[in-house]
Amino acid sequence: MLPEFRSQGVGSALLAYLAKHALTIGAGRIDWQVLDWNEGARKFYRETCLAKELDEWLNVRVEGKEAMERLSQL
């Protein structure tokens, strides 16, 4: 998010809506990703949202034509 759009409550409102919906449907958790260098967001998630960072999960990506073609042949 661009700096001029931060700290306006949009992210908080989105997360609050998502949590309300999750509770309505009986979901027990919400997962999302944050970049490791985004300390401001990470602090917000930890302190305000009571979110826990999970060390045991890794992001995995298949990118580029060669990789996509190889994957399509499995």
N, C-alpha and C. Protein backbone atom coordinates (compact mmCIF):
# COMPACT_ATOMS: atom_id res chain seq x y z
N MET A 1 0.84 -1.17 0.00
CA MET A 1 0.00 0.00 0.00
C MET A 1 0.89 1.24 0.00
N LEU A 2 0.52 2.22 -0.77
CA LEU A 2 1.29 3.46 -0.82
C LEU A 2 1.21 4.19 0.52
N PRO A 3 2.29 4.83 0.93
CA PRO A 3 2.33 5.49 2.24
C PRO A 3 1.17 6.47 2.48
N GLU A 4 0.77 7.19 1.45
CA GLU A 4 -0.31 8.17 1.65
C GLU A 4 -1.66 7.53 1.94
N PHE A 5 -1.78 6.24 1.74
CA PHE A 5 -3.04 5.55 2.01
C PHE A 5 -3.00 4.73 3.30
N ARG A 6 -1.86 4.75 3.98
CA ARG A 6 -1.73 4.01 5.23
C ARG A 6 -2.33 4.79 6.39
N SER A 7 -2.62 4.08 7.45
CA SER A 7 -3.11 4.66 8.71
C SER A 7 -4.41 5.42 8.56
N GLN A 8 -5.26 4.95 7.65
CA GLN A 8 -6.59 5.55 7.48
C GLN A 8 -7.70 4.61 7.93
N GLY A 9 -7.31 3.45 8.45
CA GLY A 9 -8.29 2.52 8.98
C GLY A 9 -8.85 1.52 7.98
N VAL A 10 -8.40 1.59 6.73
CA VAL A 10 -8.94 0.70 5.71
C VAL A 10 -8.57 -0.76 6.01
N GLY A 11 -7.31 -1.00 6.33
CA GLY A 11 -6.88 -2.37 6.64
C GLY A 11 -7.58 -2.91 7.88
N SER A 12 -7.71 -2.07 8.90
CA SER A 12 -8.41 -2.50 10.12
C SER A 12 -9.86 -2.85 9.83
N ALA A 13 -10.51 -2.02 9.03
CA ALA A 13 -11.91 -2.28 8.68
C ALA A 13 -12.05 -3.58 7.90
N LEU A 14 -11.13 -3.81 6.98
CA LEU A 14 -11.16 -5.03 6.18
C LEU A 14 -10.95 -6.26 7.07
N LEU A 15 -9.97 -6.21 7.95
CA LEU A 15 -9.72 -7.33 8.85
C LEU A 15 -10.88 -7.56 9.81
N ALA A 16 -11.49 -6.48 10.31
CA ALA A 16 -12.65 -6.61 11.20
C ALA A 16 -13.81 -7.27 10.48
N TYR A 17 -14.07 -6.84 9.24
CA TYR A 17 -15.14 -7.45 8.45
C TYR A 17 -14.86 -8.93 8.22
N LEU A 18 -13.63 -9.24 7.87
CA LEU A 18 -13.24 -10.62 7.63
C LEU A 18 -13.41 -11.46 8.88
N ALA A 19 -13.02 -10.94 10.04
CA ALA A 19 -13.17 -11.67 11.30
C ALA A 19 -14.64 -11.90 11.63
N LYS A 20 -15.48 -10.89 11.42
CA LYS A 20 -16.92 -11.05 11.67
C LYS A 20 -17.49 -12.13 10.77
N HIS A 21 -17.11 -12.12 9.50
CA HIS A 21 -17.60 -13.13 8.57
C HIS A 21 -17.10 -14.52 8.98
N ALA A 22 -15.83 -14.60 9.35
CA ALA A 22 -15.27 -15.89 9.77
C ALA A 22 -16.02 -16.44 10.98
N LEU A 23 -16.33 -15.58 11.94
CA LEU A 23 -17.09 -16.03 13.11
C LEU A 23 -18.49 -16.49 12.70
N THR A 24 -19.10 -15.79 11.77
CA THR A 24 -20.45 -16.13 11.31
C THR A 24 -20.49 -17.52 10.68
N ILE A 25 -19.46 -17.87 9.93
CA ILE A 25 -19.46 -19.18 9.27
C ILE A 25 -18.77 -20.26 10.09
N GLY A 26 -18.34 -19.90 11.28
CA GLY A 26 -17.73 -20.88 12.18
C GLY A 26 -16.27 -21.18 11.91
N ALA A 27 -15.60 -20.30 11.20
CA ALA A 27 -14.16 -20.50 10.93
C ALA A 27 -13.37 -20.27 12.22
N GLY A 28 -12.35 -21.05 12.40
CA GLY A 28 -11.54 -20.94 13.61
C GLY A 28 -10.27 -20.15 13.45
N ARG A 29 -9.97 -19.73 12.23
CA ARG A 29 -8.73 -18.96 12.02
C ARG A 29 -8.79 -18.22 10.70
N ILE A 30 -7.88 -17.27 10.58
CA ILE A 30 -7.66 -16.51 9.34
C ILE A 30 -6.16 -16.51 9.10
N ASP A 31 -5.75 -16.85 7.91
CA ASP A 31 -4.33 -16.83 7.54
C ASP A 31 -4.11 -15.79 6.45
N TRP A 32 -2.97 -15.10 6.51
CA TRP A 32 -2.57 -14.19 5.45
C TRP A 32 -1.07 -14.08 5.44
N GLN A 33 -0.55 -13.35 4.49
CA GLN A 33 0.90 -13.21 4.35
C GLN A 33 1.30 -11.75 4.53
N VAL A 34 2.53 -11.57 5.01
CA VAL A 34 3.13 -10.25 5.14
C VAL A 34 4.60 -10.39 4.78
N LEU A 35 5.14 -9.39 4.11
CA LEU A 35 6.55 -9.41 3.74
C LEU A 35 7.42 -9.24 4.98
N ASP A 36 8.53 -9.96 5.03
CA ASP A 36 9.38 -9.94 6.23
C ASP A 36 9.95 -8.57 6.55
N TRP A 37 10.11 -7.72 5.55
CA TRP A 37 10.68 -6.39 5.79
C TRP A 37 9.63 -5.37 6.23
N ASN A 38 8.36 -5.72 6.21
CA ASN A 38 7.29 -4.76 6.54
C ASN A 38 7.02 -4.78 8.04
N GLU A 39 7.97 -4.20 8.78
CA GLU A 39 7.89 -4.25 10.24
C GLU A 39 6.68 -3.50 10.79
N GLY A 40 6.27 -2.43 10.12
CA GLY A 40 5.08 -1.70 10.58
C GLY A 40 3.84 -2.58 10.56
N ALA A 41 3.64 -3.29 9.46
CA ALA A 41 2.49 -4.19 9.34
C ALA A 41 2.62 -5.35 10.32
N ARG A 42 3.82 -5.89 10.42
CA ARG A 42 4.03 -7.03 11.33
C ARG A 42 3.73 -6.63 12.77
N LYS A 43 4.15 -5.44 13.16
CA LYS A 43 3.87 -4.96 14.52
C LYS A 43 2.37 -4.77 14.72
N PHE A 44 1.70 -4.19 13.74
CA PHE A 44 0.24 -4.01 13.82
C PHE A 44 -0.46 -5.36 13.98
N TYR A 45 -0.06 -6.32 13.16
CA TYR A 45 -0.70 -7.63 13.23
C TYR A 45 -0.47 -8.29 14.58
N ARG A 46 0.77 -8.19 15.10
CA ARG A 46 1.08 -8.81 16.40
C ARG A 46 0.36 -8.12 17.54
N GLU A 47 0.45 -6.80 17.59
CA GLU A 47 -0.03 -6.06 18.75
C GLU A 47 -1.52 -5.76 18.70
N THR A 48 -2.04 -5.40 17.56
CA THR A 48 -3.44 -5.02 17.46
C THR A 48 -4.34 -6.21 17.15
N CYS A 49 -3.90 -7.07 16.25
CA CYS A 49 -4.71 -8.21 15.82
C CYS A 49 -4.43 -9.47 16.62
N LEU A 50 -3.41 -9.44 17.48
CA LEU A 50 -2.97 -10.61 18.24
C LEU A 50 -2.61 -11.78 17.33
N ALA A 51 -2.10 -11.46 16.14
CA ALA A 51 -1.69 -12.48 15.18
C ALA A 51 -0.32 -13.04 15.57
N LYS A 52 -0.11 -14.29 15.23
CA LYS A 52 1.17 -14.96 15.49
C LYS A 52 1.84 -15.25 14.17
N GLU A 53 3.13 -14.95 14.08
CA GLU A 53 3.89 -15.30 12.88
C GLU A 53 4.28 -16.77 12.97
N LEU A 54 4.07 -17.47 11.86
CA LEU A 54 4.31 -18.91 11.82
C LEU A 54 5.63 -19.20 11.12
N ASP A 55 6.58 -19.73 11.87
CA ASP A 55 7.89 -20.04 11.31
C ASP A 55 7.88 -21.29 10.43
N GLU A 56 6.93 -22.17 10.68
CA GLU A 56 6.96 -23.45 9.98
C GLU A 56 6.37 -23.42 8.58
N TRP A 57 5.76 -22.32 8.17
CA TRP A 57 5.17 -22.21 6.83
C TRP A 57 6.07 -21.41 5.92
N LEU A 58 6.24 -21.85 4.69
CA LEU A 58 7.03 -21.15 3.68
C LEU A 58 6.15 -20.83 2.49
N ASN A 59 6.42 -19.72 1.86
CA ASN A 59 5.75 -19.39 0.60
C ASN A 59 6.44 -20.14 -0.52
N VAL A 60 5.65 -20.64 -1.45
CA VAL A 60 6.18 -21.37 -2.58
C VAL A 60 5.57 -20.77 -3.85
N ARG A 61 6.41 -20.60 -4.89
CA ARG A 61 5.93 -19.97 -6.12
C ARG A 61 6.51 -20.69 -7.33
N VAL A 62 5.67 -20.89 -8.32
CA VAL A 62 6.12 -21.34 -9.63
C VAL A 62 5.97 -20.13 -10.54
N GLU A 63 7.08 -19.73 -11.19
CA GLU A 63 7.06 -18.49 -11.96
C GLU A 63 7.84 -18.66 -13.26
N GLY A 64 7.33 -18.09 -14.30
CA GLY A 64 8.02 -18.11 -15.59
C GLY A 64 7.53 -19.23 -16.48
N LYS A 65 7.73 -19.02 -17.76
CA LYS A 65 7.21 -19.95 -18.75
C LYS A 65 7.79 -21.35 -18.60
N GLU A 66 9.12 -21.46 -18.44
CA GLU A 66 9.75 -22.77 -18.33
C GLU A 66 9.20 -23.56 -17.14
N ALA A 67 9.11 -22.90 -16.00
CA ALA A 67 8.61 -23.57 -14.80
C ALA A 67 7.14 -23.95 -14.96
N MET A 68 6.34 -23.06 -15.53
CA MET A 68 4.93 -23.35 -15.73
C MET A 68 4.74 -24.52 -16.69
N GLU A 69 5.55 -24.55 -17.77
CA GLU A 69 5.45 -25.64 -18.72
C GLU A 69 5.84 -26.97 -18.07
N ARG A 70 6.90 -26.95 -17.29
CA ARG A 70 7.33 -28.18 -16.61
C ARG A 70 6.24 -28.67 -15.66
N LEU A 71 5.67 -27.77 -14.90
CA LEU A 71 4.61 -28.14 -13.98
C LEU A 71 3.40 -28.69 -14.73
N SER A 72 3.12 -28.14 -15.88
CA SER A 72 1.94 -28.59 -16.64
C SER A 72 2.11 -30.01 -17.18
N GLN A 73 3.34 -30.50 -17.18
CA GLN A 73 3.61 -31.84 -17.70
C GLN A 73 3.64 -32.92 -16.64
N LEU A 74 3.39 -32.58 -15.40
CA LEU A 74 3.41 -33.59 -14.33
C LEU A 74 2.31 -34.62 -14.51
